[in-house]
Amino acid sequence: MRLRRHVTAAPLLRPLSPRIQHTCGWTRLTREIGGAGDCMTLNQVSEHAGLCQSAGSFVYGETKRRVNRCLISSNTSVILFVPGICINVYSWTSFYFRMYPTSCDTFVALPPSTEGQRIVFGKNSDRPCDEVQEVVYFPAKKHEPEEKLECTYIEIEQVAQTHAVVLSRPAWLWGAEMGANEHQVCIGNEAVWGKESVDGEEALLGMDLVRLALERADSAERAVDVITELLEKYGQGGNCMEDECGFTYHNSFLISDRTEAWVLETAGKYWAAERVEAGYRNISNEYSITAKIDKEHPELRTYAQEQGWWNGKATFNFAKVYSYSNTARIEAAGGRFCEGRKLLQKSEGHITAETMMDILRDKESGINMEGMFMTTGSMVSVVPKDQNFPGVHFFTATPDPDRSVFKPFIFVMDIKQLKHTCSPCFGEEDPVKKKPRFQSKPNRKHPLFLKHEVAAAIIDSTRERGERIVEKMRTLEKQKLAEMEKYLTEGIEDATLLVHLFTDTVEEEFSIYSSA
């Protein structure tokens, strides 16, 4: 579905009322973004149960703008959504308009697809464009018997020992979108929807499960077990966005270690898992496990039969049985899934950290998302199969990897908290912890986010200065990639040199922005 030609607002059309414009978490429109917008027409905006998803591009003045996927609850055919310019919405009758994050992609490549007997992991976290993503470190720790652990919404039992972890996470929650631990386990999660209804009651978020698995598992397979055990005991559910209007989903996970990877896909408490031992694999916002199932919930098939989704005779295909039949959201995810796979295939046999960074920066495929929902943080990890060499984990901690620096992190002793990418803490006064939740939204911008925000504005508005900034950012990144190659091939002689590796690189990034 494509946006049609640029038109002006017809007299019959009327803007949504201010009450609807500002209701709850519905997308903030004209008054917050500024100016009265022109009107764009859409064909057939209602495709499935009143939901429509569209993507395309159009010309605004002399500038070509990408319009990202949006969901519309209406049968209307007239809408304007112009990221970065001004917004107004017109309708034949009033309707609600809300953007949903229909993106997020996670990748892994294993020998022989990679160079140097290494596993390469990568993920883009696509979230609301005003959400801050922080990169934080937590050391290994021993815990008291019967100690409790407070996650984003619920309290659970703590374990005796947790591993050191580095996490990239939305600053308002406890869990993480992606991260790694000291045993070189890497995990990223995706939102998925299917025939099984999503529970809005507060339980463990999929992002909580990412962090819990990293803190408790020393291998990818053990991480699968940790997540599924917690899923059975506590369930998954709760609002996944810092907004009083709920947004919920099931979760899929891509998990890797030094030797293999696992894909784990869930539907409520039911799940299927697939082992990946060679080649490459990626996941998007759709179920992707088919007939190759290496682990599964004991009632996965009987439940599907009871629901009438599977007759018990045909080959059991998890994705086919548990997915929606046809929705725009699934089709879009499928498009990105296929595009991501093509990009991996293009470099098969030679996939490196730089290859993965290029994939995460790809905007044409939608993998690097723009708009009201965008890529707010990115991660690439390189983990040698040989345990004598360290894994290197690169994080941006800033939006849009195309204008961000991937900064390296290596697990060594005595690492301190990553102060430049750690958001302010509001303790018990945080609106997330108070009920009713999300009645206000505090400023969670960390120091790097603030400086990057200014630099990004220059990149967008001033061509020559912007190009110089990006050139310096790429130079810094290439320099760090070259330095990390030494550790990946020769090992670590003096670990004390790496204690402040990530923080020092952030400070070098600061210097680029200060001289801009």
Protein backbone atom coordinates (compact mmCIF):
# COMPACT_ATOMS: atom_id res chain seq x y z
CA MET A 1 0.00 0.00 0.00
CA ARG A 2 1.40 3.39 -1.00
CA LEU A 3 0.63 6.98 -0.11
CA ARG A 4 -0.89 8.78 -3.05
CA ARG A 5 0.00 12.16 -4.46
CA HIS A 6 0.29 15.28 -2.34
CA VAL A 7 -3.11 17.02 -2.02
CA THR A 8 -4.59 19.85 0.00
CA ALA A 9 -7.23 19.39 2.65
CA ALA A 10 -10.73 19.37 1.18
CA PRO A 11 -13.43 21.47 2.90
CA LEU A 12 -15.35 18.33 3.82
CA LEU A 13 -12.47 17.12 5.94
CA ARG A 14 -12.07 18.20 9.53
CA PRO A 15 -9.23 17.78 12.04
CA LEU A 16 -9.66 15.44 14.95
CA SER A 17 -10.74 17.21 18.10
CA PRO A 18 -8.06 18.27 20.64
CA ARG A 19 -9.55 15.77 23.07
CA ILE A 20 -8.92 12.89 20.70
CA GLN A 21 -5.56 14.28 19.64
CA HIS A 22 -4.27 14.18 23.19
CA THR A 23 -6.16 11.21 24.57
CA CYS A 24 -3.96 8.81 26.51
CA GLY A 25 -1.08 7.41 24.45
CA TRP A 26 -2.59 8.10 21.04
CA THR A 27 -0.04 9.69 18.80
CA ARG A 28 0.48 13.35 19.61
CA LEU A 29 -0.61 15.35 16.62
CA THR A 30 -0.58 18.94 15.36
CA ARG A 31 -0.32 20.92 18.55
CA GLU A 32 2.70 19.05 19.88
CA ILE A 33 4.61 18.82 16.62
CA GLY A 34 3.66 22.18 15.18
CA GLY A 35 1.78 23.66 12.28
CA ALA A 36 -1.21 22.61 10.26
CA GLY A 37 -0.34 19.77 7.96
CA ASP A 38 -1.34 19.03 4.40
CA CYS A 39 -3.48 16.01 3.78
CA MET A 40 -2.34 12.76 2.18
CA THR A 41 -4.77 10.13 0.89
CA LEU A 42 -4.60 6.39 1.51
CA ASN A 43 -6.32 3.61 -0.38
CA GLN A 44 -8.11 0.88 1.54
CA VAL A 45 -6.86 1.81 4.98
CA SER A 46 -8.92 -0.90 6.64
CA GLU A 47 -7.54 -4.33 5.86
CA HIS A 48 -8.04 -6.65 8.81
CA ALA A 49 -10.36 -6.09 11.78
CA GLY A 50 -10.24 -2.36 11.20
CA LEU A 51 -6.44 -2.23 11.14
CA CYS A 52 -4.33 -0.94 8.31
CA GLN A 53 -0.61 -0.84 7.83
CA SER A 54 1.06 1.27 5.21
CA ALA A 55 4.56 2.22 4.17
CA GLY A 56 5.89 4.30 1.37
CA SER A 57 7.55 7.51 0.38
CA PHE A 58 6.45 10.82 -1.05
CA VAL A 59 7.91 14.17 -2.02
CA TYR A 60 7.49 17.10 0.35
CA GLY A 61 8.89 20.17 -1.35
CA GLU A 62 12.28 19.05 -2.63
CA THR A 63 12.77 16.45 0.07
CA LYS A 64 11.89 12.80 -0.26
CA ARG A 65 10.52 11.48 3.03
CA ARG A 66 10.05 7.92 4.13
CA VAL A 67 6.69 7.15 5.74
CA ASN A 68 6.92 4.23 8.12
CA ARG A 69 4.32 1.67 9.02
CA CYS A 70 1.30 2.79 10.97
CA LEU A 71 -1.87 1.15 12.22
CA ILE A 72 -5.18 2.92 11.84
CA SER A 73 -8.39 1.94 13.61
CA SER A 74 -10.88 3.23 11.09
CA ASN A 75 -12.49 2.76 7.70
CA THR A 76 -11.56 6.28 6.69
CA SER A 77 -9.39 6.92 3.66
CA VAL A 78 -7.75 10.23 4.48
CA ILE A 79 -4.75 10.78 6.71
CA LEU A 80 -1.58 12.79 6.99
CA PHE A 81 1.48 11.40 8.73
CA VAL A 82 4.66 13.30 7.90
CA PRO A 83 7.55 12.45 10.27
CA GLY A 84 9.75 15.39 11.10
CA ILE A 85 7.59 18.03 9.41
CA CYS A 86 4.11 18.66 10.80
CA ILE A 87 1.15 16.45 11.45
CA ASN A 88 -2.57 16.78 11.12
CA VAL A 89 -5.19 14.10 10.73
CA TYR A 90 -8.46 14.52 8.88
CA SER A 91 -11.36 12.10 8.72
CA TRP A 92 -14.85 11.74 7.35
CA THR A 93 -15.73 10.71 10.90
CA SER A 94 -13.61 10.95 14.03
CA PHE A 95 -11.25 8.07 14.61
CA TYR A 96 -8.32 7.12 16.77
CA PHE A 97 -4.85 6.94 15.28
CA ARG A 98 -1.96 5.21 16.94
CA MET A 99 1.48 4.15 15.84
CA TYR A 100 2.68 0.65 16.73
CA PRO A 101 6.28 -0.60 16.64
CA THR A 102 6.04 -3.14 13.87
CA SER A 103 9.76 -3.39 13.54
CA CYS A 104 12.73 -4.88 15.42
CA ASP A 105 15.17 -7.31 13.92
CA THR A 106 17.75 -9.64 15.46
CA PHE A 107 20.47 -11.53 13.58
CA VAL A 108 23.10 -14.15 14.24
CA ALA A 109 25.76 -15.63 11.96
CA LEU A 110 27.86 -18.69 12.77
CA PRO A 111 30.76 -20.40 11.01
CA PRO A 112 31.11 -21.09 8.11
CA SER A 113 29.10 -17.93 7.33
CA THR A 114 31.48 -15.74 9.34
CA GLU A 115 35.18 -14.98 9.18
CA GLY A 116 37.67 -16.23 11.75
CA GLN A 117 35.62 -18.94 13.52
CA ARG A 118 33.47 -16.36 15.27
CA ILE A 119 29.80 -15.90 16.03
CA VAL A 120 28.42 -12.48 15.10
CA PHE A 121 25.21 -11.26 16.76
CA GLY A 122 23.28 -8.08 16.01
CA LYS A 123 20.05 -6.35 16.92
CA ASN A 124 18.17 -3.10 16.35
CA SER A 125 15.75 -2.04 19.07
CA ASP A 126 12.83 -0.18 17.50
CA ARG A 127 10.84 1.80 20.03
CA PRO A 128 8.88 5.08 20.36
CA CYS A 129 11.02 7.90 18.93
CA ASP A 130 11.01 9.85 22.21
CA GLU A 131 12.10 6.88 24.33
CA VAL A 132 15.65 6.92 25.70
CA GLN A 133 17.70 3.73 25.55
CA GLU A 134 20.55 3.42 28.04
CA VAL A 135 23.52 1.05 28.16
CA VAL A 136 24.24 -0.19 31.67
CA TYR A 137 26.50 -2.72 33.40
CA PHE A 138 25.78 -4.89 36.43
CA PRO A 139 28.55 -7.00 38.03
CA ALA A 140 28.23 -10.63 39.08
CA LYS A 141 26.73 -10.94 42.54
CA LYS A 142 25.89 -13.46 45.25
CA HIS A 143 22.46 -13.22 46.84
CA GLU A 144 20.97 -14.15 50.19
CA PRO A 145 18.68 -17.19 50.61
CA GLU A 146 15.00 -16.35 50.04
CA GLU A 147 15.95 -12.96 48.57
CA LYS A 148 13.30 -11.38 46.34
CA LEU A 149 13.85 -9.55 43.07
CA GLU A 150 11.74 -6.63 41.87
CA CYS A 151 11.38 -6.67 38.08
CA THR A 152 9.48 -4.06 36.05
CA TYR A 153 6.05 -4.91 37.46
CA ILE A 154 6.25 -7.97 39.70
CA GLU A 155 8.47 -9.47 42.38
CA ILE A 156 9.99 -12.93 41.89
CA GLU A 157 12.42 -15.22 43.69
CA GLN A 158 16.10 -14.39 43.31
CA VAL A 159 18.77 -17.02 42.61
CA ALA A 160 21.93 -17.58 44.64
CA GLN A 161 24.33 -16.19 42.00
CA THR A 162 23.88 -13.83 39.06
CA HIS A 163 26.36 -13.24 36.23
CA ALA A 164 27.83 -9.91 35.12
CA VAL A 165 25.77 -8.37 32.31
CA VAL A 166 25.86 -5.41 29.94
CA LEU A 167 22.42 -4.31 28.77
CA SER A 168 20.82 -1.95 26.29
CA ARG A 169 17.37 -1.10 27.61
CA PRO A 170 14.55 1.45 27.57
CA ALA A 171 15.47 3.64 30.53
CA TRP A 172 12.09 3.28 32.26
CA LEU A 173 12.12 -0.48 32.84
CA TRP A 174 14.08 -3.15 34.72
CA GLY A 175 14.77 -5.59 31.91
CA ALA A 176 16.51 -5.11 28.55
CA GLU A 177 15.90 -5.20 24.82
CA MET A 178 19.28 -6.84 24.27
CA GLY A 179 22.54 -7.57 25.99
CA ALA A 180 25.31 -10.01 26.82
CA ASN A 181 26.83 -11.66 29.88
CA GLU A 182 30.30 -12.62 31.06
CA HIS A 183 29.89 -16.11 29.55
CA GLN A 184 29.36 -14.51 26.10
CA VAL A 185 25.67 -15.35 25.97
CA CYS A 186 23.88 -12.74 23.82
CA ILE A 187 20.10 -12.26 23.70
CA GLY A 188 17.67 -10.03 21.81
CA ASN A 189 13.89 -10.20 21.83
CA GLU A 190 11.11 -9.30 19.40
CA ALA A 191 7.42 -8.57 19.74
CA VAL A 192 5.21 -11.21 18.12
CA TRP A 193 1.45 -11.62 17.79
CA GLY A 194 -0.59 -14.68 16.89
CA LYS A 195 -3.81 -16.58 17.49
CA GLU A 196 -3.19 -16.86 21.22
CA SER A 197 -4.50 -13.74 22.94
CA VAL A 198 -2.07 -11.40 24.68
CA ASP A 199 -2.45 -11.00 28.44
CA GLY A 200 -2.55 -7.39 29.58
CA GLU A 201 -2.19 -8.29 33.25
CA GLU A 202 1.14 -7.37 34.79
CA ALA A 203 3.63 -10.23 34.83
CA LEU A 204 7.16 -10.53 33.43
CA LEU A 205 7.86 -8.47 30.33
CA GLY A 206 9.76 -10.13 27.52
CA MET A 207 12.48 -7.58 28.27
CA ASP A 208 12.57 -8.78 31.88
CA LEU A 209 13.08 -12.31 30.58
CA VAL A 210 16.06 -11.14 28.49
CA ARG A 211 17.83 -9.76 31.55
CA LEU A 212 16.88 -12.68 33.79
CA ALA A 213 18.25 -15.18 31.28
CA LEU A 214 21.51 -13.24 30.93
CA GLU A 215 21.92 -13.02 34.69
CA ARG A 216 21.19 -16.73 35.25
CA ALA A 217 22.42 -18.68 32.21
CA ASP A 218 25.98 -19.63 31.20
CA SER A 219 24.99 -20.98 27.77
CA ALA A 220 22.41 -20.29 25.08
CA GLU A 221 20.57 -23.56 25.74
CA ARG A 222 20.46 -22.85 29.47
CA ALA A 223 19.00 -19.41 28.65
CA VAL A 224 16.16 -21.15 26.79
CA ASP A 225 15.48 -23.23 29.89
CA VAL A 226 15.61 -20.19 32.21
CA ILE A 227 13.12 -18.23 30.10
CA THR A 228 10.67 -21.10 29.68
CA GLU A 229 10.79 -22.01 33.38
CA LEU A 230 10.07 -18.39 34.34
CA LEU A 231 7.34 -18.22 31.72
CA GLU A 232 5.63 -21.25 33.23
CA LYS A 233 5.93 -19.94 36.78
CA TYR A 234 5.19 -16.22 36.38
CA GLY A 235 3.78 -15.74 32.88
CA GLN A 236 4.37 -12.82 30.51
CA GLY A 237 2.31 -9.65 30.28
CA GLY A 238 1.99 -5.98 31.07
CA ASN A 239 2.38 -2.69 29.27
CA CYS A 240 5.52 -2.65 27.12
CA MET A 241 5.53 1.11 26.59
CA GLU A 242 5.96 4.08 28.92
CA ASP A 243 2.40 5.22 28.35
CA GLU A 244 -0.85 4.88 30.28
CA CYS A 245 -2.51 3.23 27.30
CA GLY A 246 -1.49 -0.42 27.20
CA PHE A 247 0.63 -2.02 24.51
CA THR A 248 1.24 -5.74 24.91
CA TYR A 249 2.68 -8.61 22.92
CA HIS A 250 4.15 -12.09 23.08
CA ASN A 251 7.91 -12.48 22.65
CA SER A 252 10.44 -14.28 20.53
CA PHE A 253 14.13 -14.48 21.41
CA LEU A 254 17.36 -15.06 19.51
CA ILE A 255 20.07 -16.37 21.84
CA SER A 256 23.71 -17.19 21.08
CA ASP A 257 26.91 -18.24 22.85
CA ARG A 258 30.37 -19.37 21.74
CA THR A 259 29.16 -22.52 20.00
CA GLU A 260 25.55 -22.24 18.86
CA ALA A 261 22.35 -20.19 18.76
CA TRP A 262 18.72 -20.82 19.69
CA VAL A 263 15.48 -19.28 18.50
CA LEU A 264 12.75 -19.32 21.17
CA GLU A 265 9.23 -18.23 20.22
CA THR A 266 6.35 -17.90 22.67
CA ALA A 267 2.56 -17.65 22.59
CA GLY A 268 1.37 -17.01 26.13
CA LYS A 269 2.84 -19.84 28.18
CA TYR A 270 3.33 -22.05 25.11
CA TRP A 271 6.60 -22.08 23.22
CA ALA A 272 8.85 -23.75 20.67
CA ALA A 273 12.64 -23.58 20.34
CA GLU A 274 15.00 -24.30 17.45
CA ARG A 275 18.74 -24.94 17.68
CA VAL A 276 20.99 -23.23 15.12
CA GLU A 277 24.46 -24.75 14.81
CA ALA A 278 25.76 -23.25 11.56
CA GLY A 279 24.97 -20.65 8.92
CA TYR A 280 22.84 -17.66 9.82
CA ARG A 281 19.42 -16.90 11.26
CA ASN A 282 17.29 -13.82 11.83
CA ILE A 283 13.97 -13.02 13.49
CA SER A 284 11.48 -10.18 13.05
CA ASN A 285 7.97 -9.60 14.41
CA GLU A 286 6.59 -12.92 13.22
CA TYR A 287 6.81 -16.57 14.18
CA SER A 288 9.55 -18.22 12.16
CA ILE A 289 9.98 -21.72 13.65
CA THR A 290 8.36 -24.21 11.30
CA ALA A 291 8.70 -28.01 11.52
CA LYS A 292 12.22 -28.11 12.98
CA ILE A 293 11.51 -27.96 16.71
CA ASP A 294 14.23 -29.05 19.13
CA LYS A 295 12.43 -28.17 22.36
CA GLU A 296 8.79 -27.34 23.06
CA HIS A 297 6.18 -26.82 25.73
CA PRO A 298 4.73 -30.25 26.67
CA GLU A 299 1.20 -29.11 25.78
CA LEU A 300 2.10 -27.10 22.66
CA ARG A 301 0.45 -29.50 20.21
CA THR A 302 -2.48 -30.67 22.31
CA TYR A 303 -3.45 -27.06 23.02
CA ALA A 304 -3.36 -26.27 19.29
CA GLN A 305 -5.63 -29.25 18.64
CA GLU A 306 -8.06 -28.16 21.35
CA GLN A 307 -8.27 -24.71 19.79
CA GLY A 308 -8.91 -26.17 16.35
CA TRP A 309 -5.70 -24.75 14.89
CA TRP A 310 -4.19 -28.15 14.02
CA ASN A 311 -5.82 -31.46 13.14
CA GLY A 312 -3.14 -33.65 14.69
CA LYS A 313 -2.39 -35.35 11.37
CA ALA A 314 -0.61 -32.78 9.24
CA THR A 315 3.04 -32.00 9.88
CA PHE A 316 3.16 -29.67 12.87
CA ASN A 317 4.42 -26.29 11.67
CA PHE A 318 4.62 -23.96 14.68
CA ALA A 319 4.56 -20.71 12.69
CA LYS A 320 1.67 -21.85 10.53
CA VAL A 321 -0.37 -23.19 13.45
CA TYR A 322 0.10 -20.30 15.88
CA SER A 323 0.32 -17.29 13.51
CA TYR A 324 -2.47 -15.08 12.25
CA SER A 325 -3.53 -16.06 8.76
CA ASN A 326 -3.14 -12.69 7.04
CA THR A 327 -2.50 -9.30 8.60
CA ALA A 328 -0.59 -6.29 7.42
CA ARG A 329 1.58 -6.40 10.53
CA ILE A 330 2.73 -9.97 9.80
CA GLU A 331 3.25 -9.21 6.12
CA ALA A 332 5.48 -6.25 6.96
CA ALA A 333 7.50 -8.32 9.41
CA GLY A 334 7.81 -11.01 6.76
CA GLY A 335 9.16 -8.43 4.33
CA ARG A 336 11.85 -7.32 6.77
CA PHE A 337 12.61 -10.93 7.67
CA CYS A 338 13.23 -11.75 4.00
CA GLU A 339 15.24 -8.58 3.40
CA GLY A 340 17.39 -9.28 6.46
CA ARG A 341 18.01 -12.81 5.27
CA LYS A 342 19.06 -11.52 1.85
CA LEU A 343 21.54 -9.12 3.43
CA LEU A 344 23.07 -11.96 5.45
CA GLN A 345 23.17 -14.20 2.39
CA LYS A 346 24.91 -11.48 0.39
CA SER A 347 27.96 -11.67 2.70
CA GLU A 348 27.77 -15.39 3.49
CA GLY A 349 31.21 -16.74 4.33
CA HIS A 350 32.56 -13.28 5.09
CA ILE A 351 30.22 -11.89 7.77
CA THR A 352 32.04 -9.67 10.26
CA ALA A 353 31.13 -7.05 12.85
CA GLU A 354 31.23 -4.41 10.11
CA THR A 355 28.88 -6.49 7.96
CA MET A 356 26.39 -6.67 10.81
CA MET A 357 26.67 -2.93 11.47
CA ASP A 358 25.92 -2.25 7.80
CA ILE A 359 22.85 -4.49 7.97
CA LEU A 360 21.56 -2.68 11.05
CA ARG A 361 22.08 0.65 9.26
CA ASP A 362 20.06 -0.39 6.20
CA LYS A 363 17.06 1.94 5.86
CA GLU A 364 15.72 0.77 2.52
CA SER A 365 14.76 -2.61 4.00
CA GLY A 366 13.10 -1.01 7.03
CA ILE A 367 15.62 -2.68 9.36
CA ASN A 368 16.87 0.75 10.42
CA MET A 369 13.48 2.23 11.20
CA GLU A 370 12.52 5.91 11.03
CA GLY A 371 9.43 7.81 12.10
CA MET A 372 7.29 7.87 15.22
CA PHE A 373 8.83 4.48 15.99
CA MET A 374 12.50 4.24 15.19
CA THR A 375 15.70 2.39 15.98
CA THR A 376 16.58 3.80 19.41
CA GLY A 377 19.53 1.52 20.16
CA SER A 378 21.71 -1.05 18.38
CA MET A 379 24.05 -3.86 19.39
CA VAL A 380 26.65 -5.99 17.59
CA SER A 381 28.65 -8.74 19.31
CA VAL A 382 31.62 -10.73 18.04
CA VAL A 383 32.30 -13.91 20.02
CA PRO A 384 35.18 -16.25 19.07
CA LYS A 385 34.52 -19.97 19.43
CA ASP A 386 37.92 -20.26 21.14
CA GLN A 387 37.49 -19.49 24.86
CA ASN A 388 41.02 -18.06 25.03
CA PHE A 389 39.81 -14.94 23.26
CA PRO A 390 37.30 -12.41 24.60
CA GLY A 391 33.95 -11.52 23.14
CA VAL A 392 33.54 -7.89 22.08
CA HIS A 393 30.14 -6.24 22.39
CA PHE A 394 29.40 -2.98 20.56
CA PHE A 395 26.53 -0.67 21.57
CA THR A 396 25.36 2.69 20.21
CA ALA A 397 23.25 3.93 23.20
CA THR A 398 21.81 6.47 20.75
CA PRO A 399 19.07 6.49 18.09
CA ASP A 400 19.64 5.63 14.42
CA PRO A 401 22.78 3.52 13.91
CA ASP A 402 23.41 5.35 10.64
CA ARG A 403 24.38 8.43 12.64
CA SER A 404 25.71 6.70 15.73
CA VAL A 405 28.99 5.15 16.84
CA PHE A 406 29.19 1.46 17.78
CA LYS A 407 31.33 1.51 20.93
CA PRO A 408 33.14 -1.61 22.25
CA PHE A 409 32.72 -3.30 25.62
CA ILE A 410 34.73 -6.28 26.92
CA PHE A 411 34.04 -8.14 30.17
CA VAL A 412 36.99 -7.73 32.55
CA MET A 413 37.30 -7.36 36.31
CA ASP A 414 36.55 -4.09 38.13
CA ILE A 415 34.31 -2.48 35.50
CA LYS A 416 32.35 0.44 36.92
CA GLN A 417 28.90 1.63 35.93
CA LEU A 418 28.85 3.22 32.47
CA LYS A 419 28.12 6.75 33.69
CA HIS A 420 27.77 8.51 30.33
CA THR A 421 25.02 6.17 29.09
CA CYS A 422 23.17 5.69 32.37
CA SER A 423 19.88 7.58 32.70
CA PRO A 424 18.76 9.46 35.83
CA CYS A 425 17.21 7.32 38.57
CA PHE A 426 13.96 8.49 40.17
CA GLY A 427 13.65 5.74 42.78
CA GLU A 428 10.23 5.23 44.32
CA GLU A 429 9.06 8.53 42.81
CA ASP A 430 9.35 7.09 39.31
CA PRO A 431 5.90 7.22 37.60
CA VAL A 432 6.47 3.63 36.46
CA LYS A 433 6.42 2.44 40.09
CA LYS A 434 3.40 4.45 41.20
CA LYS A 435 -0.16 3.26 40.58
CA PRO A 436 -1.89 4.19 38.41
CA ARG A 437 1.27 3.97 36.32
CA PHE A 438 2.58 6.37 33.68
CA GLN A 439 0.74 9.48 34.83
CA SER A 440 3.77 11.55 33.84
CA LYS A 441 6.97 11.03 31.88
CA PRO A 442 10.23 12.30 33.44
CA ASN A 443 13.29 13.34 31.45
CA ARG A 444 15.40 10.18 31.16
CA LYS A 445 18.05 11.50 28.78
CA HIS A 446 21.59 10.44 29.70
CA PRO A 447 24.68 12.58 28.93
CA LEU A 448 25.49 10.86 25.63
CA PHE A 449 21.89 11.07 24.46
CA LEU A 450 21.84 14.83 25.09
CA LYS A 451 25.05 15.51 23.16
CA HIS A 452 24.07 13.15 20.35
CA GLU A 453 20.68 14.87 20.07
CA VAL A 454 22.39 18.18 19.30
CA ALA A 455 24.77 16.55 16.80
CA ALA A 456 21.90 14.73 15.07
CA ALA A 457 20.09 18.03 14.58
CA ILE A 458 23.21 19.47 12.91
CA ILE A 459 23.52 16.39 10.70
CA ASP A 460 19.90 16.83 9.60
CA SER A 461 20.00 20.58 9.03
CA THR A 462 23.52 21.49 7.88
CA ARG A 463 24.94 19.39 5.08
CA GLU A 464 28.66 20.19 5.23
CA ARG A 465 28.93 20.25 9.03
CA GLY A 466 26.78 17.14 9.21
CA GLU A 467 28.97 15.24 6.76
CA ARG A 468 32.09 16.17 8.75
CA ILE A 469 30.52 14.91 11.97
CA VAL A 470 29.48 11.60 10.40
CA GLU A 471 32.93 11.17 8.83
CA LYS A 472 34.59 11.62 12.23
CA MET A 473 32.12 9.20 13.81
CA ARG A 474 32.95 6.54 11.22
CA THR A 475 36.67 7.14 11.67
CA LEU A 476 36.36 6.60 15.43
CA GLU A 477 34.33 3.44 14.89
CA LYS A 478 36.82 1.98 12.41
CA GLN A 479 39.65 2.79 14.80
CA LYS A 480 37.91 0.86 17.59
CA LEU A 481 37.13 -2.07 15.30
CA ALA A 482 40.84 -2.29 14.41
CA GLU A 483 41.86 -2.12 18.07
CA MET A 484 39.36 -4.84 19.01
CA GLU A 485 40.65 -7.11 16.26
CA LYS A 486 43.90 -7.38 18.19
CA TYR A 487 42.11 -8.69 21.28
CA LEU A 488 39.99 -11.05 19.19
CA THR A 489 43.07 -12.64 17.62
CA GLU A 490 45.75 -12.29 20.32
CA GLY A 491 43.78 -12.23 23.56
CA ILE A 492 44.10 -9.84 26.50
CA GLU A 493 47.50 -9.21 28.09
CA ASP A 494 46.59 -6.35 30.43
CA ALA A 495 42.91 -6.35 31.43
CA THR A 496 43.28 -3.08 33.32
CA LEU A 497 43.49 -1.27 29.98
CA LEU A 498 39.94 -2.36 29.20
CA VAL A 499 38.17 -1.41 32.44
CA HIS A 500 37.11 1.95 30.99
CA LEU A 501 37.02 0.89 27.31
CA PHE A 502 33.37 1.76 26.67
CA THR A 503 33.39 4.95 28.75
CA ASP A 504 36.62 6.18 27.14
CA THR A 505 35.13 5.64 23.69
CA VAL A 506 32.03 7.63 24.67
CA GLU A 507 34.32 10.47 25.75
CA GLU A 508 36.03 10.37 22.35
CA GLU A 509 32.56 10.62 20.82
CA PHE A 510 31.89 13.64 23.05
CA SER A 511 34.98 15.30 21.58
CA ILE A 512 33.59 14.92 18.07
CA TYR A 513 30.35 16.62 19.05
CA SER A 514 32.11 19.37 21.00
CA SER A 515 34.24 20.33 18.01
CA ALA A 516 31.29 20.28 15.62
